[in-house]
PDB file of all heavy atoms in Angstrom:
ATOM      1  N   LEU A   1      -1.690  -0.111 -22.724  1.00  0.00           N
ATOM      2  CA  LEU A   1      -2.997  -0.015 -22.192  1.00  0.00           C
ATOM      3  C   LEU A   1      -3.118  -0.104 -20.768  1.00  0.00           C
ATOM      4  O   LEU A   1      -3.811   0.560 -20.070  1.00  0.00           O
ATOM      5  CB  LEU A   1      -3.992  -1.062 -22.878  1.00  0.00           C
ATOM      6  CG  LEU A   1      -4.169  -1.002 -24.303  1.00  0.00           C
ATOM      7  CD1 LEU A   1      -5.206  -2.094 -24.768  1.00  0.00           C
ATOM      8  CD2 LEU A   1      -4.704   0.335 -24.842  1.00  0.00           C
ATOM      9  N   ARG A   2      -2.201  -0.980 -20.107  1.00  0.00           N
ATOM     10  CA  ARG A   2      -2.258  -0.998 -18.704  1.00  0.00           C
ATOM     11  C   ARG A   2      -1.720   0.296 -18.002  1.00  0.00           C
ATOM     12  O   ARG A   2      -2.246   0.744 -17.126  1.00  0.00           O
ATOM     13  CB  ARG A   2      -1.233  -2.196 -18.349  1.00  0.00           C
ATOM     14  CG  ARG A   2      -1.011  -2.307 -16.843  1.00  0.00           C
ATOM     15  CD  ARG A   2      -0.088  -3.420 -16.451  1.00  0.00           C
ATOM     16  NE  ARG A   2       1.189  -3.352 -17.246  1.00  0.00           N
ATOM     17  CZ  ARG A   2       2.170  -2.485 -16.959  1.00  0.00           C
ATOM     18  NH1 ARG A   2       2.093  -1.671 -15.904  1.00  0.00           N
ATOM     19  NH2 ARG A   2       3.244  -2.442 -17.663  1.00  0.00           N
ATOM     20  N   GLU A   3      -0.657   0.884 -18.671  1.00  0.00           N
ATOM     21  CA  GLU A   3      -0.190   2.131 -18.169  1.00  0.00           C
ATOM     22  C   GLU A   3      -1.183   3.214 -18.369  1.00  0.00           C
ATOM     23  O   GLU A   3      -1.313   4.104 -17.399  1.00  0.00           O
ATOM     24  CB  GLU A   3       1.147   2.550 -18.952  1.00  0.00           C
ATOM     25  CG  GLU A   3       2.360   1.486 -18.713  1.00  0.00           C
ATOM     26  CD  GLU A   3       3.442   1.865 -19.591  1.00  0.00           C
ATOM     27  OE1 GLU A   3       3.376   2.849 -20.317  1.00  0.00           O
ATOM     28  OE2 GLU A   3       4.450   1.097 -19.569  1.00  0.00           O
ATOM     29  N   ILE A   4      -1.886   3.314 -19.481  1.00  0.00           N
ATOM     30  CA  ILE A   4      -2.962   4.281 -19.674  1.00  0.00           C
ATOM     31  C   ILE A   4      -4.075   4.200 -18.652  1.00  0.00           C
ATOM     32  O   ILE A   4      -4.578   5.027 -18.079  1.00  0.00           O
ATOM     33  CB  ILE A   4      -3.439   4.248 -21.110  1.00  0.00           C
ATOM     34  CG1 ILE A   4      -2.366   4.714 -22.175  1.00  0.00           C
ATOM     35  CG2 ILE A   4      -4.713   5.076 -21.221  1.00  0.00           C
ATOM     36  CD1 ILE A   4      -2.749   4.600 -23.566  1.00  0.00           C
ATOM     37  N   ASP A   5      -4.374   2.885 -18.424  1.00  0.00           N
ATOM     38  CA  ASP A   5      -5.416   2.505 -17.422  1.00  0.00           C
ATOM     39  C   ASP A   5      -5.033   3.040 -16.035  1.00  0.00           C
ATOM     40  O   ASP A   5      -5.897   3.680 -15.252  1.00  0.00           O
ATOM     41  CB  ASP A   5      -5.739   1.108 -17.356  1.00  0.00           C
ATOM     42  CG  ASP A   5      -6.745   0.705 -16.303  1.00  0.00           C
ATOM     43  OD1 ASP A   5      -7.988   1.092 -16.494  1.00  0.00           O
ATOM     44  OD2 ASP A   5      -6.422   0.010 -15.389  1.00  0.00           O
ATOM     45  N   GLU A   6      -3.846   2.900 -15.678  1.00  0.00           N
ATOM     46  CA  GLU A   6      -3.355   3.447 -14.398  1.00  0.00           C
ATOM     47  C   GLU A   6      -3.435   4.919 -14.278  1.00  0.00           C
ATOM     48  O   GLU A   6      -3.920   5.478 -13.230  1.00  0.00           O
ATOM     49  CB  GLU A   6      -1.831   3.053 -14.163  1.00  0.00           C
ATOM     50  CG  GLU A   6      -1.655   1.566 -13.891  1.00  0.00           C
ATOM     51  CD  GLU A   6      -0.179   1.176 -13.829  1.00  0.00           C
ATOM     52  OE1 GLU A   6       0.649   2.000 -13.981  1.00  0.00           O
ATOM     53  OE2 GLU A   6       0.103  -0.052 -13.537  1.00  0.00           O
ATOM     54  N   LEU A   7      -3.148   5.645 -15.475  1.00  0.00           N
ATOM     55  CA  LEU A   7      -3.337   7.114 -15.452  1.00  0.00           C
ATOM     56  C   LEU A   7      -4.744   7.425 -15.253  1.00  0.00           C
ATOM     57  O   LEU A   7      -5.106   8.483 -14.584  1.00  0.00           O
ATOM     58  CB  LEU A   7      -2.691   7.667 -16.791  1.00  0.00           C
ATOM     59  CG  LEU A   7      -1.228   7.649 -16.920  1.00  0.00           C
ATOM     60  CD1 LEU A   7      -0.804   8.015 -18.299  1.00  0.00           C
ATOM     61  CD2 LEU A   7      -0.522   8.420 -15.873  1.00  0.00           C
ATOM     62  N   LEU A   8      -5.663   6.787 -16.000  1.00  0.00           N
ATOM     63  CA  LEU A   8      -7.134   7.119 -15.893  1.00  0.00           C
ATOM     64  C   LEU A   8      -7.618   6.854 -14.550  1.00  0.00           C
ATOM     65  O   LEU A   8      -8.458   7.647 -14.051  1.00  0.00           O
ATOM     66  CB  LEU A   8      -7.781   6.382 -16.932  1.00  0.00           C
ATOM     67  CG  LEU A   8      -7.649   6.641 -18.419  1.00  0.00           C
ATOM     68  CD1 LEU A   8      -8.284   5.624 -19.339  1.00  0.00           C
ATOM     69  CD2 LEU A   8      -8.192   7.993 -18.682  1.00  0.00           C
ATOM     70  N   ARG A   9      -7.180   5.866 -13.847  1.00  0.00           N
ATOM     71  CA  ARG A   9      -7.701   5.501 -12.521  1.00  0.00           C
ATOM     72  C   ARG A   9      -7.100   6.575 -11.482  1.00  0.00           C
ATOM     73  O   ARG A   9      -7.792   6.941 -10.562  1.00  0.00           O
ATOM     74  CB  ARG A   9      -7.343   4.057 -12.126  1.00  0.00           C
ATOM     75  CG  ARG A   9      -8.233   3.058 -12.839  1.00  0.00           C
ATOM     76  CD  ARG A   9      -8.104   1.718 -12.218  1.00  0.00           C
ATOM     77  NE  ARG A   9      -6.832   1.037 -12.700  1.00  0.00           N
ATOM     78  CZ  ARG A   9      -5.814   0.776 -11.976  1.00  0.00           C
ATOM     79  NH1 ARG A   9      -5.758   1.098 -10.645  1.00  0.00           N
ATOM     80  NH2 ARG A   9      -4.799   0.170 -12.487  1.00  0.00           N
ATOM     81  N   ARG A  10      -5.845   6.967 -11.704  1.00  0.00           N
ATOM     82  CA  ARG A  10      -5.349   7.998 -10.814  1.00  0.00           C
ATOM     83  C   ARG A  10      -6.071   9.388 -11.093  1.00  0.00           C
ATOM     84  O   ARG A  10      -6.232  10.101 -10.126  1.00  0.00           O
ATOM     85  CB  ARG A  10      -3.949   8.193 -11.196  1.00  0.00           C
ATOM     86  CG  ARG A  10      -3.003   7.073 -10.563  1.00  0.00           C
ATOM     87  CD  ARG A  10      -1.542   7.469 -10.281  1.00  0.00           C
ATOM     88  NE  ARG A  10      -0.893   7.920 -11.506  1.00  0.00           N
ATOM     89  CZ  ARG A  10      -0.297   7.068 -12.333  1.00  0.00           C
ATOM     90  NH1 ARG A  10      -0.040   5.885 -12.039  1.00  0.00           N
ATOM     91  NH2 ARG A  10       0.417   7.649 -13.303  1.00  0.00           N
ATOM     92  N   ALA A  11      -6.552   9.540 -12.289  1.00  0.00           N
ATOM     93  CA  ALA A  11      -7.263  10.804 -12.599  1.00  0.00           C
ATOM     94  C   ALA A  11      -8.597  10.804 -11.910  1.00  0.00           C
ATOM     95  O   ALA A  11      -9.200  11.924 -11.690  1.00  0.00           O
ATOM     96  CB  ALA A  11      -7.448  10.958 -14.062  1.00  0.00           C
ATOM     97  N   ASP A  12      -9.143   9.637 -11.426  1.00  0.00           N
ATOM     98  CA  ASP A  12     -10.332   9.581 -10.688  1.00  0.00           C
ATOM     99  C   ASP A  12     -11.522  10.385 -11.393  1.00  0.00           C
ATOM    100  O   ASP A  12     -12.035  11.444 -10.852  1.00  0.00           O
ATOM    101  CB  ASP A  12     -10.115  10.110  -9.275  1.00  0.00           C
ATOM    102  CG  ASP A  12     -11.314   9.777  -8.361  1.00  0.00           C
ATOM    103  OD1 ASP A  12     -12.064   8.825  -8.586  1.00  0.00           O
ATOM    104  OD2 ASP A  12     -11.483  10.472  -7.295  1.00  0.00           O
ATOM    105  N   GLY A  13     -11.978   9.894 -12.446  1.00  0.00           N
ATOM    106  CA  GLY A  13     -13.096  10.471 -13.064  1.00  0.00           C
ATOM    107  C   GLY A  13     -13.113  10.360 -14.650  1.00  0.00           C
ATOM    108  O   GLY A  13     -13.482  11.227 -15.358  1.00  0.00           O
ATOM    109  N   ALA A  14     -12.633   9.207 -15.017  1.00  0.00           N
ATOM    110  CA  ALA A  14     -12.552   8.855 -16.443  1.00  0.00           C
ATOM    111  C   ALA A  14     -13.947   8.847 -17.000  1.00  0.00           C
ATOM    112  O   ALA A  14     -14.891   8.292 -16.458  1.00  0.00           O
ATOM    113  CB  ALA A  14     -11.843   7.562 -16.720  1.00  0.00           C
ATOM    114  N   GLU A  15     -14.157   9.450 -18.079  1.00  0.00           N
ATOM    115  CA  GLU A  15     -15.533   9.433 -18.753  1.00  0.00           C
ATOM    116  C   GLU A  15     -15.887   7.999 -19.277  1.00  0.00           C
ATOM    117  O   GLU A  15     -14.932   7.281 -19.682  1.00  0.00           O
ATOM    118  CB  GLU A  15     -15.471  10.473 -20.028  1.00  0.00           C
ATOM    119  CG  GLU A  15     -16.820  10.577 -20.633  1.00  0.00           C
ATOM    120  CD  GLU A  15     -16.698  11.551 -21.791  1.00  0.00           C
ATOM    121  OE1 GLU A  15     -15.659  12.193 -22.022  1.00  0.00           O
ATOM    122  OE2 GLU A  15     -17.686  11.647 -22.560  1.00  0.00           O
ATOM    123  N   ALA A  16     -17.093   7.716 -19.196  1.00  0.00           N
ATOM    124  CA  ALA A  16     -17.650   6.438 -19.618  1.00  0.00           C
ATOM    125  C   ALA A  16     -17.658   6.399 -21.192  1.00  0.00           C
ATOM    126  O   ALA A  16     -18.663   6.731 -21.764  1.00  0.00           O
ATOM    127  CB  ALA A  16     -18.935   6.122 -18.994  1.00  0.00           C
ATOM    128  N   ARG A  17     -16.630   5.925 -21.856  1.00  0.00           N
ATOM    129  CA  ARG A  17     -16.571   5.773 -23.232  1.00  0.00           C
ATOM    130  C   ARG A  17     -15.336   4.946 -23.654  1.00  0.00           C
ATOM    131  O   ARG A  17     -14.511   4.491 -22.817  1.00  0.00           O
ATOM    132  CB  ARG A  17     -16.525   7.162 -23.849  1.00  0.00           C
ATOM    133  CG  ARG A  17     -15.177   7.919 -23.565  1.00  0.00           C
ATOM    134  CD  ARG A  17     -15.227   9.233 -24.197  1.00  0.00           C
ATOM    135  NE  ARG A  17     -14.086  10.136 -23.964  1.00  0.00           N
ATOM    136  CZ  ARG A  17     -12.918  10.062 -24.671  1.00  0.00           C
ATOM    137  NH1 ARG A  17     -12.834   9.293 -25.674  1.00  0.00           N
ATOM    138  NH2 ARG A  17     -11.934  10.877 -24.395  1.00  0.00           N
ATOM    139  N   PHE A  18     -15.155   4.747 -24.951  1.00  0.00           N
ATOM    140  CA  PHE A  18     -14.034   4.200 -25.470  1.00  0.00           C
ATOM    141  C   PHE A  18     -12.922   5.284 -25.621  1.00  0.00           C
ATOM    142  O   PHE A  18     -13.203   6.308 -26.251  1.00  0.00           O
ATOM    143  CB  PHE A  18     -14.236   3.559 -26.921  1.00  0.00           C
ATOM    144  CG  PHE A  18     -14.593   2.087 -26.880  1.00  0.00           C
ATOM    145  CD1 PHE A  18     -15.907   1.651 -26.977  1.00  0.00           C
ATOM    146  CD2 PHE A  18     -13.635   1.198 -26.698  1.00  0.00           C
ATOM    147  CE1 PHE A  18     -16.279   0.393 -26.993  1.00  0.00           C
ATOM    148  CE2 PHE A  18     -13.924  -0.183 -26.626  1.00  0.00           C
ATOM    149  CZ  PHE A  18     -15.257  -0.587 -26.854  1.00  0.00           C
ATOM    150  N   TYR A  19     -11.709   4.961 -25.156  1.00  0.00           N
ATOM    151  CA  TYR A  19     -10.562   5.882 -25.333  1.00  0.00           C
ATOM    152  C   TYR A  19      -9.599   5.209 -26.275  1.00  0.00           C
ATOM    153  O   TYR A  19      -9.387   4.017 -26.377  1.00  0.00           O
ATOM    154  CB  TYR A  19      -9.835   6.073 -23.976  1.00  0.00           C
ATOM    155  CG  TYR A  19     -10.512   6.939 -22.982  1.00  0.00           C
ATOM    156  CD1 TYR A  19     -11.372   6.333 -22.065  1.00  0.00           C
ATOM    157  CD2 TYR A  19     -10.353   8.298 -23.022  1.00  0.00           C
ATOM    158  CE1 TYR A  19     -12.062   7.137 -21.128  1.00  0.00           C
ATOM    159  CE2 TYR A  19     -10.944   9.063 -22.046  1.00  0.00           C
ATOM    160  CZ  TYR A  19     -11.833   8.450 -21.070  1.00  0.00           C
ATOM    161  OH  TYR A  19     -12.446   9.261 -20.140  1.00  0.00           O
ATOM    162  N   SER A  20      -9.052   6.105 -27.144  1.00  0.00           N
ATOM    163  CA  SER A  20      -7.938   5.651 -28.118  1.00  0.00           C
ATOM    164  C   SER A  20      -6.657   5.825 -27.321  1.00  0.00           C
ATOM    165  O   SER A  20      -6.427   6.916 -26.792  1.00  0.00           O
ATOM    166  CB  SER A  20      -8.052   6.347 -29.353  1.00  0.00           C
ATOM    167  OG  SER A  20      -6.867   6.159 -30.112  1.00  0.00           O
ATOM    168  N   ALA A  21      -5.790   4.775 -27.491  1.00  0.00           N
ATOM    169  CA  ALA A  21      -4.499   4.859 -26.833  1.00  0.00           C
ATOM    170  C   ALA A  21      -3.720   6.118 -27.387  1.00  0.00           C
ATOM    171  O   ALA A  21      -2.931   6.729 -26.787  1.00  0.00           O
ATOM    172  CB  ALA A  21      -3.754   3.606 -27.030  1.00  0.00           C
ATOM    173  N   ARG A  22      -3.999   6.281 -28.658  1.00  0.00           N
ATOM    174  CA  ARG A  22      -3.273   7.478 -29.309  1.00  0.00           C
ATOM    175  C   ARG A  22      -3.487   8.882 -28.723  1.00  0.00           C
ATOM    176  O   ARG A  22      -2.591   9.638 -28.493  1.00  0.00           O
ATOM    177  CB  ARG A  22      -3.604   7.516 -30.824  1.00  0.00           C
ATOM    178  CG  ARG A  22      -2.847   8.587 -31.620  1.00  0.00           C
ATOM    179  CD  ARG A  22      -3.265   8.642 -33.037  1.00  0.00           C
ATOM    180  NE  ARG A  22      -4.662   8.906 -33.049  1.00  0.00           N
ATOM    181  CZ  ARG A  22      -5.411   8.594 -34.158  1.00  0.00           C
ATOM    182  NH1 ARG A  22      -4.899   8.052 -35.212  1.00  0.00           N
ATOM    183  NH2 ARG A  22      -6.772   8.978 -34.209  1.00  0.00           N
ATOM    184  N   GLU A  23      -4.800   9.004 -28.273  1.00  0.00           N
ATOM    185  CA  GLU A  23      -5.140  10.321 -27.717  1.00  0.00           C
ATOM    186  C   GLU A  23      -4.576  10.531 -26.360  1.00  0.00           C
ATOM    187  O   GLU A  23      -4.447  11.623 -25.854  1.00  0.00           O
ATOM    188  CB  GLU A  23      -6.672  10.491 -27.654  1.00  0.00           C
ATOM    189  CG  GLU A  23      -7.426   9.505 -26.826  1.00  0.00           C
ATOM    190  CD  GLU A  23      -8.917   9.653 -26.800  1.00  0.00           C
ATOM    191  OE1 GLU A  23      -9.422  10.832 -26.484  1.00  0.00           O
ATOM    192  OE2 GLU A  23      -9.626   8.774 -27.144  1.00  0.00           O
ATOM    193  N   LEU A  24      -4.222   9.418 -25.686  1.00  0.00           N
ATOM    194  CA  LEU A  24      -3.607   9.466 -24.444  1.00  0.00           C
ATOM    195  C   LEU A  24      -2.088   9.152 -24.459  1.00  0.00           C
ATOM    196  O   LEU A  24      -1.383   9.129 -23.319  1.00  0.00           O
ATOM    197  CB  LEU A  24      -4.323   8.520 -23.434  1.00  0.00           C
ATOM    198  CG  LEU A  24      -5.746   8.788 -23.198  1.00  0.00           C
ATOM    199  CD1 LEU A  24      -6.554   7.632 -22.490  1.00  0.00           C
ATOM    200  CD2 LEU A  24      -5.920  10.186 -22.531  1.00  0.00           C
ATOM    201  N   GLU A  25      -1.505   8.973 -25.621  1.00  0.00           N
ATOM    202  CA  GLU A  25      -0.090   8.583 -25.696  1.00  0.00           C
ATOM    203  C   GLU A  25       0.904   9.618 -25.097  1.00  0.00           C
ATOM    204  O   GLU A  25       1.791   9.338 -24.432  1.00  0.00           O
ATOM    205  CB  GLU A  25       0.216   8.301 -27.206  1.00  0.00           C
ATOM    206  CG  GLU A  25       1.648   7.777 -27.348  1.00  0.00           C
ATOM    207  CD  GLU A  25       1.902   6.437 -26.729  1.00  0.00           C
ATOM    208  OE1 GLU A  25       0.937   5.734 -26.364  1.00  0.00           O
ATOM    209  OE2 GLU A  25       3.085   6.064 -26.562  1.00  0.00           O
ATOM    210  N   LEU A  26       0.552  10.900 -25.439  1.00  0.00           N
ATOM    211  CA  LEU A  26       1.480  11.964 -24.965  1.00  0.00           C
ATOM    212  C   LEU A  26       1.419  12.003 -23.385  1.00  0.00           C
ATOM    213  O   LEU A  26       2.497  12.084 -22.825  1.00  0.00           O
ATOM    214  CB  LEU A  26       1.046  13.291 -25.502  1.00  0.00           C
ATOM    215  CG  LEU A  26       1.884  14.480 -25.128  1.00  0.00           C
ATOM    216  CD1 LEU A  26       3.431  14.275 -25.539  1.00  0.00           C
ATOM    217  CD2 LEU A  26       1.415  15.767 -25.690  1.00  0.00           C
ATOM    218  N   LEU A  27       0.218  11.914 -22.851  1.00  0.00           N
ATOM    219  CA  LEU A  27       0.090  11.902 -21.426  1.00  0.00           C
ATOM    220  C   LEU A  27       0.855  10.720 -20.789  1.00  0.00           C
ATOM    221  O   LEU A  27       1.536  10.813 -19.788  1.00  0.00           O
ATOM    222  CB  LEU A  27      -1.366  11.861 -21.053  1.00  0.00           C
ATOM    223  CG  LEU A  27      -1.701  11.857 -19.597  1.00  0.00           C
ATOM    224  CD1 LEU A  27      -1.184  13.102 -18.853  1.00  0.00           C
ATOM    225  CD2 LEU A  27      -3.190  11.696 -19.285  1.00  0.00           C
ATOM    226  N   ARG A  28       0.780   9.550 -21.357  1.00  0.00           N
ATOM    227  CA  ARG A  28       1.548   8.414 -20.936  1.00  0.00           C
ATOM    228  C   ARG A  28       3.017   8.571 -21.011  1.00  0.00           C
ATOM    229  O   ARG A  28       3.674   8.256 -20.069  1.00  0.00           O
ATOM    230  CB  ARG A  28       1.131   7.183 -21.785  1.00  0.00           C
ATOM    231  CG  ARG A  28       1.734   5.819 -21.249  1.00  0.00           C
ATOM    232  CD  ARG A  28       1.400   4.707 -22.306  1.00  0.00           C
ATOM    233  NE  ARG A  28       2.287   4.824 -23.483  1.00  0.00           N
ATOM    234  CZ  ARG A  28       3.492   4.409 -23.594  1.00  0.00           C
ATOM    235  NH1 ARG A  28       4.001   3.741 -22.572  1.00  0.00           N
ATOM    236  NH2 ARG A  28       4.123   4.452 -24.648  1.00  0.00           N
ATOM    237  N   LEU A  29       3.521   9.193 -22.062  1.00  0.00           N
ATOM    238  CA  LEU A  29       4.972   9.354 -22.178  1.00  0.00           C
ATOM    239  C   LEU A  29       5.374  10.397 -21.224  1.00  0.00           C
ATOM    240  O   LEU A  29       6.429  10.211 -20.514  1.00  0.00           O
ATOM    241  CB  LEU A  29       5.284   9.879 -23.631  1.00  0.00           C
ATOM    242  CG  LEU A  29       5.062   8.776 -24.705  1.00  0.00           C
ATOM    243  CD1 LEU A  29       5.387   9.372 -26.097  1.00  0.00           C
ATOM    244  CD2 LEU A  29       6.043   7.538 -24.487  1.00  0.00           C
ATOM    245  N   LEU A  30       4.626  11.554 -20.951  1.00  0.00           N
ATOM    246  CA  LEU A  30       5.056  12.440 -20.026  1.00  0.00           C
ATOM    247  C   LEU A  30       5.139  12.054 -18.689  1.00  0.00           C
ATOM    248  O   LEU A  30       5.939  12.408 -17.780  1.00  0.00           O
ATOM    249  CB  LEU A  30       4.235  13.664 -20.193  1.00  0.00           C
ATOM    250  CG  LEU A  30       4.333  14.547 -21.516  1.00  0.00           C
ATOM    251  CD1 LEU A  30       3.334  15.645 -21.524  1.00  0.00           C
ATOM    252  CD2 LEU A  30       5.719  15.024 -21.720  1.00  0.00           C
ATOM    253  N   GLY A  31       4.152  11.084 -18.328  1.00  0.00           N
ATOM    254  CA  GLY A  31       4.066  10.638 -16.968  1.00  0.00           C
ATOM    255  C   GLY A  31       4.872   9.347 -16.636  1.00  0.00           C
ATOM    256  O   GLY A  31       4.752   8.783 -15.583  1.00  0.00           O
TER     257      GLY A  31
END
C-alpha cells in the first residue's frame, strides 16, 4: 500500500475514492 500510494502521489491526480491494491498491482510491479 505504501508503494501504491507513492505511485498515486507521483501521478498527481488520484481520484477521490477507494482503490483496490489488486487493480494497481500490475502498475506497482512494472514500476
